[in-house]
C-alpha atoms as a PDB file:
ATOM      1  CA  MET A   1       0.065  -0.019  -0.148  1.00  0.00           C
ATOM      2  CA  GLY A   2       1.424   3.360  -1.206  1.00  0.00           C
ATOM      3  CA  VAL A   3       1.086   6.373   0.932  1.00  0.00           C
ATOM      4  CA  LEU A   4      -0.345   9.364  -0.788  1.00  0.00           C
ATOM      5  CA  ASN A   5      -0.709  12.480   1.650  1.00  0.00           C
ATOM      6  CA  VAL A   6      -2.541  15.346  -0.080  1.00  0.00           C
ATOM      7  CA  THR A   7      -1.502  17.472   2.924  1.00  0.00           C
ATOM      8  CA  PRO A   8       0.777  20.540   3.753  1.00  0.00           C
ATOM      9  CA  ASP A   9       1.634  19.105   7.100  1.00  0.00           C
ATOM     10  CA  SER A  10       2.016  15.311   7.365  1.00  0.00           C
ATOM     11  CA  PHE A  11       4.973  14.173   9.336  1.00  0.00           C
ATOM     12  CA  SER A  12       7.046  12.445   6.443  1.00  0.00           C
ATOM     13  CA  ASP A  13       6.125  14.212   3.335  1.00  0.00           C
ATOM     14  CA  GLY A  14       3.696  17.051   4.115  1.00  0.00           C
ATOM     15  CA  GLY A  15       3.532  19.654   1.404  1.00  0.00           C
ATOM     16  CA  ILE A  16       5.362  17.666  -1.264  1.00  0.00           C
ATOM     17  CA  TYR A  17       2.270  16.180  -2.783  1.00  0.00           C
ATOM     18  CA  PHE A  18      -0.139  18.999  -1.643  1.00  0.00           C
ATOM     19  CA  GLN A  19      -0.615  20.363  -5.169  1.00  0.00           C
ATOM     20  CA  ARG A  20      -3.226  18.216  -6.975  1.00  0.00           C
ATOM     21  CA  ASP A  21      -1.268  17.500 -10.156  1.00  0.00           C
ATOM     22  CA  LYS A  22       1.805  16.493  -8.046  1.00  0.00           C
ATOM     23  CA  ALA A  23      -0.259  14.117  -5.964  1.00  0.00           C
ATOM     24  CA  ILE A  24      -1.858  12.609  -9.090  1.00  0.00           C
ATOM     25  CA  GLU A  25       1.569  11.981 -10.633  1.00  0.00           C
ATOM     26  CA  HIS A  26       2.881  10.513  -7.549  1.00  0.00           C
ATOM     27  CA  GLY A  27       0.071   8.110  -7.164  1.00  0.00           C
ATOM     28  CA  LEU A  28       0.592   7.014 -10.690  1.00  0.00           C
ATOM     29  CA  SER A  29       4.262   6.604 -10.142  1.00  0.00           C
ATOM     30  CA  MET A  30       3.529   4.500  -7.142  1.00  0.00           C
ATOM     31  CA  ALA A  31       1.370   2.257  -9.144  1.00  0.00           C
ATOM     32  CA  LYS A  32       4.037   1.794 -11.788  1.00  0.00           C
ATOM     33  CA  ASP A  33       6.520   0.844  -9.006  1.00  0.00           C
ATOM     34  CA  GLY A  34       4.340  -1.906  -8.074  1.00  0.00           C
ATOM     35  CA  ALA A  35       2.037  -0.755  -5.198  1.00  0.00           C
ATOM     36  CA  ASP A  36      -1.244  -2.890  -4.947  1.00  0.00           C
ATOM     37  CA  ILE A  37      -3.121  -0.252  -3.293  1.00  0.00           C
ATOM     38  CA  ILE A  38      -2.852   3.519  -3.284  1.00  0.00           C
ATOM     39  CA  ASP A  39      -3.991   5.158   0.037  1.00  0.00           C
ATOM     40  CA  VAL A  40      -5.062   8.611  -0.449  1.00  0.00           C
ATOM     41  CA  GLY A  41      -5.311  10.926   2.752  1.00  0.00           C
ATOM     42  CA  GLY A  42      -6.163  14.568   2.986  1.00  0.00           C
ATOM     43  CA  GLU A  43      -5.792  15.415   6.820  1.00  0.00           C
ATOM     44  CA  SER A  44      -2.780  14.725   8.632  1.00  0.00           C
ATOM     45  CA  THR A  45      -2.848  12.553  11.710  1.00  0.00           C
ATOM     46  CA  ARG A  46       0.577  13.139  12.909  1.00  0.00           C
ATOM     47  CA  PRO A  47       0.892  13.536  16.739  1.00  0.00           C
ATOM     48  CA  TYR A  48      -0.762  16.713  17.916  1.00  0.00           C
ATOM     49  CA  SER A  49      -2.210  17.629  14.578  1.00  0.00           C
ATOM     50  CA  GLU A  50      -5.397  19.766  14.113  1.00  0.00           C
ATOM     51  CA  LYS A  51      -8.435  18.681  12.469  1.00  0.00           C
ATOM     52  CA  ILE A  52      -9.826  20.137   9.159  1.00  0.00           C
ATOM     53  CA  SER A  53     -13.393  20.530   7.933  1.00  0.00           C
ATOM     54  CA  VAL A  54     -15.202  17.901   5.775  1.00  0.00           C
ATOM     55  CA  GLU A  55     -15.302  20.328   2.628  1.00  0.00           C
ATOM     56  CA  GLU A  56     -11.545  21.040   2.926  1.00  0.00           C
ATOM     57  CA  GLU A  57     -10.677  17.207   3.128  1.00  0.00           C
ATOM     58  CA  MET A  58     -12.901  16.393   0.346  1.00  0.00           C
ATOM     59  CA  ASP A  59     -11.554  19.268  -1.948  1.00  0.00           C
ATOM     60  CA  ARG A  60      -8.183  17.735  -1.324  1.00  0.00           C
ATOM     61  CA  VAL A  61      -8.825  14.113  -1.826  1.00  0.00           C
ATOM     62  CA  ILE A  62     -11.847  13.643  -4.254  1.00  0.00           C
ATOM     63  CA  PRO A  63     -10.360  15.011  -7.421  1.00  0.00           C
ATOM     64  CA  VAL A  64      -7.154  13.040  -6.770  1.00  0.00           C
ATOM     65  CA  ILE A  65      -9.312   9.768  -6.318  1.00  0.00           C
ATOM     66  CA  GLN A  66     -11.323  10.606  -9.357  1.00  0.00           C
ATOM     67  CA  ALA A  67      -8.103  11.133 -11.531  1.00  0.00           C
ATOM     68  CA  LEU A  68      -6.409   7.990 -10.218  1.00  0.00           C
ATOM     69  CA  SER A  69      -9.372   5.768 -10.807  1.00  0.00           C
ATOM     70  CA  LYS A  70      -9.509   6.593 -14.368  1.00  0.00           C
ATOM     71  CA  ASP A  71      -6.123   5.414 -14.857  1.00  0.00           C
ATOM     72  CA  LEU A  72      -5.477   2.577 -12.388  1.00  0.00           C
ATOM     73  CA  ARG A  73      -6.632  -0.898 -12.152  1.00  0.00           C
ATOM     74  CA  ILE A  74      -5.713  -1.327  -8.634  1.00  0.00           C
ATOM     75  CA  PRO A  75      -7.524  -0.298  -5.541  1.00  0.00           C
ATOM     76  CA  ILE A  76      -7.574   3.026  -4.215  1.00  0.00           C
ATOM     77  CA  SER A  77      -8.113   3.515  -0.386  1.00  0.00           C
ATOM     78  CA  VAL A  78      -9.361   6.619   1.247  1.00  0.00           C
ATOM     79  CA  ASP A  79      -7.725   7.573   4.712  1.00  0.00           C
ATOM     80  CA  THR A  80     -10.246   9.199   6.524  1.00  0.00           C
ATOM     81  CA  CYS A  81     -12.262   9.316   9.717  1.00  0.00           C
ATOM     82  CA  LYS A  82     -15.046  11.365   8.299  1.00  0.00           C
ATOM     83  CA  ALA A  83     -18.347   9.539   6.857  1.00  0.00           C
ATOM     84  CA  ASN A  84     -19.101  12.059   4.352  1.00  0.00           C
ATOM     85  CA  VAL A  85     -15.549  12.058   2.992  1.00  0.00           C
ATOM     86  CA  ALA A  86     -15.747   8.325   2.728  1.00  0.00           C
ATOM     87  CA  ARG A  87     -19.193   8.340   1.099  1.00  0.00           C
ATOM     88  CA  GLN A  88     -17.995  10.644  -1.694  1.00  0.00           C
ATOM     89  CA  ALA A  89     -14.660   8.910  -2.107  1.00  0.00           C
ATOM     90  CA  VAL A  90     -16.252   5.798  -2.777  1.00  0.00           C
ATOM     91  CA  LYS A  91     -18.433   7.427  -5.459  1.00  0.00           C
ATOM     92  CA  ALA A  92     -15.330   8.928  -6.988  1.00  0.00           C
ATOM     93  CA  GLY A  93     -13.710   5.587  -7.328  1.00  0.00           C
ATOM     94  CA  ALA A  94     -12.250   4.345  -4.062  1.00  0.00           C
ATOM     95  CA  SER A  95     -12.756   0.818  -2.966  1.00  0.00           C
ATOM     96  CA  ILE A  96     -11.275   0.705   0.551  1.00  0.00           C
ATOM     97  CA  ILE A  97     -12.074   2.709   3.556  1.00  0.00           C
ATOM     98  CA  ASN A  98      -8.988   3.221   5.951  1.00  0.00           C
ATOM     99  CA  ASP A  99     -10.399   4.524   9.084  1.00  0.00           C
ATOM    100  CA  ILE A 100      -7.715   5.248  11.843  1.00  0.00           C
ATOM    101  CA  SER A 101     -10.437   5.673  14.321  1.00  0.00           C
ATOM    102  CA  ALA A 102     -11.798   2.325  14.032  1.00  0.00           C
ATOM    103  CA  LEU A 103     -15.218   3.650  13.469  1.00  0.00           C
ATOM    104  CA  ARG A 104     -15.111   5.772  16.742  1.00  0.00           C
ATOM    105  CA  PHE A 105     -14.985   9.421  15.478  1.00  0.00           C
ATOM    106  CA  ASP A 106     -18.081   9.569  13.181  1.00  0.00           C
ATOM    107  CA  SER A 107     -21.157   7.831  14.077  1.00  0.00           C
ATOM    108  CA  GLU A 108     -22.204   7.511  10.617  1.00  0.00           C
ATOM    109  CA  MET A 109     -19.047   5.662   9.238  1.00  0.00           C
ATOM    110  CA  ILE A 110     -20.527   2.208  10.072  1.00  0.00           C
ATOM    111  CA  SER A 111     -23.561   2.603   8.003  1.00  0.00           C
ATOM    112  CA  VAL A 112     -21.344   4.367   5.154  1.00  0.00           C
ATOM    113  CA  ALA A 113     -19.136   1.381   4.974  1.00  0.00           C
ATOM    114  CA  ALA A 114     -21.740  -1.164   5.382  1.00  0.00           C
ATOM    115  CA  ASP A 115     -23.780   0.492   2.388  1.00  0.00           C
ATOM    116  CA  ALA A 116     -20.702   0.821   0.172  1.00  0.00           C
ATOM    117  CA  GLY A 117     -19.671  -2.862   0.832  1.00  0.00           C
ATOM    118  CA  VAL A 118     -16.062  -2.188   0.600  1.00  0.00           C
ATOM    119  CA  PRO A 119     -13.178  -3.420   2.669  1.00  0.00           C
ATOM    120  CA  VAL A 120     -12.682  -1.416   5.919  1.00  0.00           C
ATOM    121  CA  ILE A 121      -9.232  -0.942   7.601  1.00  0.00           C
ATOM    122  CA  LEU A 122      -9.909  -0.637  11.418  1.00  0.00           C
ATOM    123  CA  MET A 123      -6.909   0.787  13.420  1.00  0.00           C
ATOM    124  CA  HIS A 124      -5.838   0.826  17.115  1.00  0.00           C
ATOM    125  CA  MET A 125      -5.204   4.134  18.597  1.00  0.00           C
ATOM    126  CA  GLN A 126      -4.983   5.222  22.262  1.00  0.00           C
ATOM    127  CA  GLY A 127      -6.724   8.556  22.545  1.00  0.00           C
ATOM    128  CA  THR A 128      -6.854  10.933  19.427  1.00  0.00           C
ATOM    129  CA  PRO A 129      -4.211  12.524  17.095  1.00  0.00           C
ATOM    130  CA  ALA A 130      -4.233  15.545  19.337  1.00  0.00           C
ATOM    131  CA  ASP A 131      -3.278  13.795  22.513  1.00  0.00           C
ATOM    132  CA  MET A 132      -2.171  10.173  21.415  1.00  0.00           C
ATOM    133  CA  GLN A 133       1.480  10.673  22.317  1.00  0.00           C
ATOM    134  CA  THR A 134       1.038  12.244  25.620  1.00  0.00           C
ATOM    135  CA  ASN A 135       2.561   9.510  27.858  1.00  0.00           C
ATOM    136  CA  PRO A 136       0.918   6.545  26.257  1.00  0.00           C
ATOM    137  CA  ALA A 137       0.612   3.763  28.924  1.00  0.00           C
ATOM    138  CA  TYR A 138      -0.702   0.116  28.994  1.00  0.00           C
ATOM    139  CA  GLU A 139      -0.938  -2.682  31.502  1.00  0.00           C
ATOM    140  CA  ASN A 140      -0.844  -5.345  28.905  1.00  0.00           C
ATOM    141  CA  LEU A 141      -0.127  -3.786  25.424  1.00  0.00           C
ATOM    142  CA  ILE A 142      -0.980  -6.654  23.111  1.00  0.00           C
ATOM    143  CA  PRO A 143      -4.110  -7.993  24.831  1.00  0.00           C
ATOM    144  CA  GLU A 144      -5.473  -4.549  25.121  1.00  0.00           C
ATOM    145  CA  ILE A 145      -4.897  -3.733  21.393  1.00  0.00           C
ATOM    146  CA  LEU A 146      -6.454  -6.973  20.684  1.00  0.00           C
ATOM    147  CA  ASP A 147      -9.520  -6.234  22.746  1.00  0.00           C
ATOM    148  CA  PHE A 148      -9.807  -2.788  21.224  1.00  0.00           C
ATOM    149  CA  LEU A 149      -9.754  -4.434  17.771  1.00  0.00           C
ATOM    150  CA  LYS A 150     -12.206  -7.110  18.547  1.00  0.00           C
ATOM    151  CA  ASN A 151     -14.561  -4.646  20.054  1.00  0.00           C
ATOM    152  CA  ALA A 152     -14.327  -2.486  16.888  1.00  0.00           C
ATOM    153  CA  MET A 153     -14.852  -5.452  14.634  1.00  0.00           C
ATOM    154  CA  ASP A 154     -17.928  -6.308  16.665  1.00  0.00           C
ATOM    155  CA  ARG A 155     -19.515  -2.893  16.335  1.00  0.00           C
ATOM    156  CA  GLY A 156     -18.808  -2.860  12.611  1.00  0.00           C
ATOM    157  CA  VAL A 157     -20.481  -6.339  12.116  1.00  0.00           C
ATOM    158  CA  ALA A 158     -23.525  -5.174  14.352  1.00  0.00           C
ATOM    159  CA  GLY A 159     -23.873  -2.450  12.065  1.00  0.00           C
ATOM    160  CA  GLY A 160     -23.904  -4.255   8.802  1.00  0.00           C
ATOM    161  CA  ILE A 161     -20.198  -4.409   7.810  1.00  0.00           C
ATOM    162  CA  LYS A 162     -19.425  -7.988   6.666  1.00  0.00           C
ATOM    163  CA  LYS A 163     -16.600  -9.533   8.854  1.00  0.00           C
ATOM    164  CA  ASP A 164     -14.842 -10.743   5.711  1.00  0.00           C
ATOM    165  CA  MET A 165     -14.412  -6.993   4.752  1.00  0.00           C
ATOM    166  CA  ILE A 166     -12.493  -6.021   7.735  1.00  0.00           C
ATOM    167  CA  ILE A 167      -8.729  -5.482   7.835  1.00  0.00           C
ATOM    168  CA  VAL A 168      -7.134  -4.888  11.141  1.00  0.00           C
ATOM    169  CA  ASP A 169      -4.130  -2.480  12.003  1.00  0.00           C
ATOM    170  CA  PRO A 170      -2.443  -2.390  15.239  1.00  0.00           C
ATOM    171  CA  GLY A 171      -1.570   1.257  14.692  1.00  0.00           C
ATOM    172  CA  ILE A 172       2.302   1.655  14.801  1.00  0.00           C
ATOM    173  CA  GLY A 173       2.905   5.305  16.135  1.00  0.00           C
ATOM    174  CA  PHE A 174      -0.635   5.991  17.365  1.00  0.00           C
ATOM    175  CA  GLY A 175      -0.923   6.126  21.118  1.00  0.00           C
ATOM    176  CA  LYS A 176       2.435   4.113  21.537  1.00  0.00           C
ATOM    177  CA  SER A 177       5.751   4.628  22.959  1.00  0.00           C
ATOM    178  CA  PHE A 178       8.874   3.665  21.075  1.00  0.00           C
ATOM    179  CA  ASP A 179       9.115   0.446  22.956  1.00  0.00           C
ATOM    180  CA  HIS A 180       5.354  -0.356  22.498  1.00  0.00           C
ATOM    181  CA  ASN A 181       5.914   0.057  18.651  1.00  0.00           C
ATOM    182  CA  LEU A 182       8.737  -2.390  18.763  1.00  0.00           C
ATOM    183  CA  GLN A 183       6.736  -4.808  20.617  1.00  0.00           C
ATOM    184  CA  VAL A 184       3.965  -4.714  18.195  1.00  0.00           C
ATOM    185  CA  ILE A 185       6.139  -5.581  15.414  1.00  0.00           C
ATOM    186  CA  ARG A 186       7.971  -8.378  17.173  1.00  0.00           C
ATOM    187  CA  GLU A 187       4.549  -9.842  18.592  1.00  0.00           C
ATOM    188  CA  LEU A 188       2.559  -9.116  15.511  1.00  0.00           C
ATOM    189  CA  ALA A 189       1.774 -12.913  14.978  1.00  0.00           C
ATOM    190  CA  GLN A 190      -0.572 -12.666  18.019  1.00  0.00           C
ATOM    191  CA  PHE A 191      -2.974 -10.748  16.044  1.00  0.00           C
ATOM    192  CA  SER A 192      -3.718 -13.741  14.025  1.00  0.00           C
ATOM    193  CA  VAL A 193      -6.258 -14.632  16.430  1.00  0.00           C
ATOM    194  CA  LEU A 194      -8.617 -12.140  15.017  1.00  0.00           C
ATOM    195  CA  GLU A 195      -8.698 -14.046  11.747  1.00  0.00           C
ATOM    196  CA  ARG A 196      -8.455 -10.931   9.581  1.00  0.00           C
ATOM    197  CA  PRO A 197      -5.835  -9.609   7.357  1.00  0.00           C
ATOM    198  CA  ILE A 198      -3.302  -7.699   9.096  1.00  0.00           C
ATOM    199  CA  LEU A 199      -1.831  -4.081   8.026  1.00  0.00           C
ATOM    200  CA  LEU A 200       1.136  -2.715   9.468  1.00  0.00           C
ATOM    201  CA  GLY A 201       2.256   0.865   8.734  1.00  0.00           C
ATOM    202  CA  PRO A 202       5.892   1.443  10.290  1.00  0.00           C
ATOM    203  CA  SER A 203       7.168   3.644   7.439  1.00  0.00           C
ATOM    204  CA  ASN A 204       9.274   6.650   8.336  1.00  0.00           C
ATOM    205  CA  LYS A 205       7.738   6.557  11.940  1.00  0.00           C
ATOM    206  CA  ALA A 206       9.382   8.468  14.778  1.00  0.00           C
ATOM    207  CA  PHE A 207      10.670   5.210  16.578  1.00  0.00           C
ATOM    208  CA  ILE A 208      12.758   4.717  13.597  1.00  0.00           C
ATOM    209  CA  GLY A 209      14.206   8.045  13.645  1.00  0.00           C
ATOM    210  CA  HIS A 210      14.855   7.684  17.398  1.00  0.00           C
ATOM    211  CA  ILE A 211      16.863   4.417  16.923  1.00  0.00           C
ATOM    212  CA  LEU A 212      18.816   5.630  13.821  1.00  0.00           C
ATOM    213  CA  HIS A 213      18.930   9.326  14.553  1.00  0.00           C
ATOM    214  CA  LYS A 214      17.472  10.078  11.028  1.00  0.00           C
ATOM    215  CA  GLU A 215      15.034  12.619   9.725  1.00  0.00           C
ATOM    216  CA  PRO A 216      11.704  11.221   8.318  1.00  0.00           C
ATOM    217  CA  HIS A 217      13.108  11.353   4.617  1.00  0.00           C
ATOM    218  CA  GLU A 218      16.164   9.604   5.850  1.00  0.00           C
ATOM    219  CA  ARG A 219      14.400   6.503   7.372  1.00  0.00           C
ATOM    220  CA  ASP A 220      14.044   4.061   4.287  1.00  0.00           C
ATOM    221  CA  THR A 221      16.485   1.617   5.625  1.00  0.00           C
ATOM    222  CA  GLY A 222      14.883   1.464   9.136  1.00  0.00           C
ATOM    223  CA  SER A 223      11.564   1.261   7.527  1.00  0.00           C
ATOM    224  CA  MET A 224      12.457  -1.703   5.373  1.00  0.00           C
ATOM    225  CA  ALA A 225      13.901  -3.411   8.476  1.00  0.00           C
ATOM    226  CA  ALA A 226      10.613  -2.759  10.164  1.00  0.00           C
ATOM    227  CA  VAL A 227       8.689  -4.032   7.146  1.00  0.00           C
ATOM    228  CA  ALA A 228      10.740  -7.282   6.807  1.00  0.00           C
ATOM    229  CA  ALA A 229      10.189  -8.134  10.568  1.00  0.00           C
ATOM    230  CA  GLY A 230       6.476  -7.327  10.171  1.00  0.00           C
ATOM    231  CA  VAL A 231       6.005  -9.425   7.024  1.00  0.00           C
ATOM    232  CA  LEU A 232       8.098 -12.390   8.824  1.00  0.00           C
ATOM    233  CA  ASN A 233       5.671 -12.072  11.641  1.00  0.00           C
ATOM    234  CA  GLY A 234       2.558 -12.027   9.785  1.00  0.00           C
ATOM    235  CA  ALA A 235       1.629  -8.888   8.070  1.00  0.00           C
ATOM    236  CA  HIS A 236      -0.528  -9.236   4.918  1.00  0.00           C
ATOM    237  CA  ILE A 237      -0.437  -5.458   3.899  1.00  0.00           C
ATOM    238  CA  VAL A 238       2.386  -2.890   4.592  1.00  0.00           C
ATOM    239  CA  ARG A 239       1.713   0.768   4.246  1.00  0.00           C
ATOM    240  CA  VAL A 240       4.720   2.550   2.948  1.00  0.00           C
ATOM    241  CA  HIS A 241       6.115   5.576   1.285  1.00  0.00           C
ATOM    242  CA  ASN A 242       8.765   3.979  -0.721  1.00  0.00           C
ATOM    243  CA  VAL A 243       7.001   1.356  -2.677  1.00  0.00           C
ATOM    244  CA  LYS A 244       9.930   0.234  -4.893  1.00  0.00           C
ATOM    245  CA  LYS A 245      12.268  -0.450  -1.903  1.00  0.00           C
ATOM    246  CA  THR A 246       9.286  -2.250  -0.237  1.00  0.00           C
ATOM    247  CA  ILE A 247       8.727  -4.352  -3.246  1.00  0.00           C
ATOM    248  CA  GLU A 248      12.309  -5.616  -3.114  1.00  0.00           C
ATOM    249  CA  THR A 249      12.337  -6.031   0.569  1.00  0.00           C
ATOM    250  CA  VAL A 250       9.087  -8.191   0.723  1.00  0.00           C
ATOM    251  CA  LYS A 251      10.284 -10.170  -2.504  1.00  0.00           C
ATOM    252  CA  MET A 252      13.418 -11.249  -0.462  1.00  0.00           C
ATOM    253  CA  ILE A 253      11.291 -11.894   2.830  1.00  0.00           C
ATOM    254  CA  ASP A 254       8.874 -14.081   0.551  1.00  0.00           C
ATOM    255  CA  ALA A 255      11.751 -16.092  -0.609  1.00  0.00           C
ATOM    256  CA  ILE A 256      13.085 -16.695   2.751  1.00  0.00           C
ATOM    257  CA  LYS A 257       9.663 -17.701   4.126  1.00  0.00           C
ATOM    258  CA  ARG A 258       9.038 -19.923   1.132  1.00  0.00           C
ATOM    259  CA  GLY A 259      12.605 -21.275   0.827  1.00  0.00           C
ATOM    260  CA  SER A 260      12.121 -21.224  -2.983  1.00  0.00           C
ATOM    261  CA  VAL A 261      13.311 -18.575  -5.745  1.00  0.00           C
ATOM    262  CA  GLU A 262      11.271 -20.037  -8.374  1.00  0.00           C
ATOM    263  CA  GLU A 263       8.043 -19.954  -6.261  1.00  0.00           C
ATOM    264  CA  VAL A 264       8.615 -16.142  -5.586  1.00  0.00           C
ATOM    265  CA  ASN A 265       9.313 -15.518  -9.081  1.00  0.00           C
ATOM    266  CA  GLN A 266       6.413 -17.158 -10.311  1.00  0.00           C
ATOM    267  CA  SER A 267       4.089 -15.237  -7.700  1.00  0.00           C
ATOM    268  CA  VAL A 268       5.496 -11.784  -8.400  1.00  0.00           C
END
């Protein structure tokens, strides 16, 4: 999953693809590099970020989704917590809803997702983007994240979302300390108990910068290490900024897991 932030203030690439033509060009470029999904977001969810209006978010993402959907044959995901944005994005050509609030922030999101009949990504986050990194604490990290995601799934299914349409994301960097993030990646296999595909989004996150003393645009190597560990531990989807390097990393990890070069070459 290639990240396309149509924002002026995202932590990793804020502003680079804020202009519509540059955003569309980058989305097409990631698809050419081998992305299986393009995830389009119009509101930064970095720590301490501020909310924007529904109208402003739609103005950022809908034209980009419309343009990409005309040229691409891969799924386009909309990264939003707002039901109206999700509704219009699906009409514009998006076929996945990526809700970092796990259906909590907008009471209409469940019905929008259920009516659309598209896959929905439910992510764990302690708190909100405005306060999630203010001393995040857990008594039992993995069980608490599992309980949160199980409850989110139950709410979605009760509201009409089919269980087989749900993807879960443990939420790297969202309401977690650096050590929490490392533990989630290390123990990712435990999330298989939910019996849903697992998405992992470690790309360019602050814990990588803390370990390697690198700025966001310098974190490719650390991101690929986190991706490799995540895939080895059960991640089905990885949300990344550098698609080309991720494709190579995952191909190598797949070969190691399969123990066969030929099988990997036939599957790519």
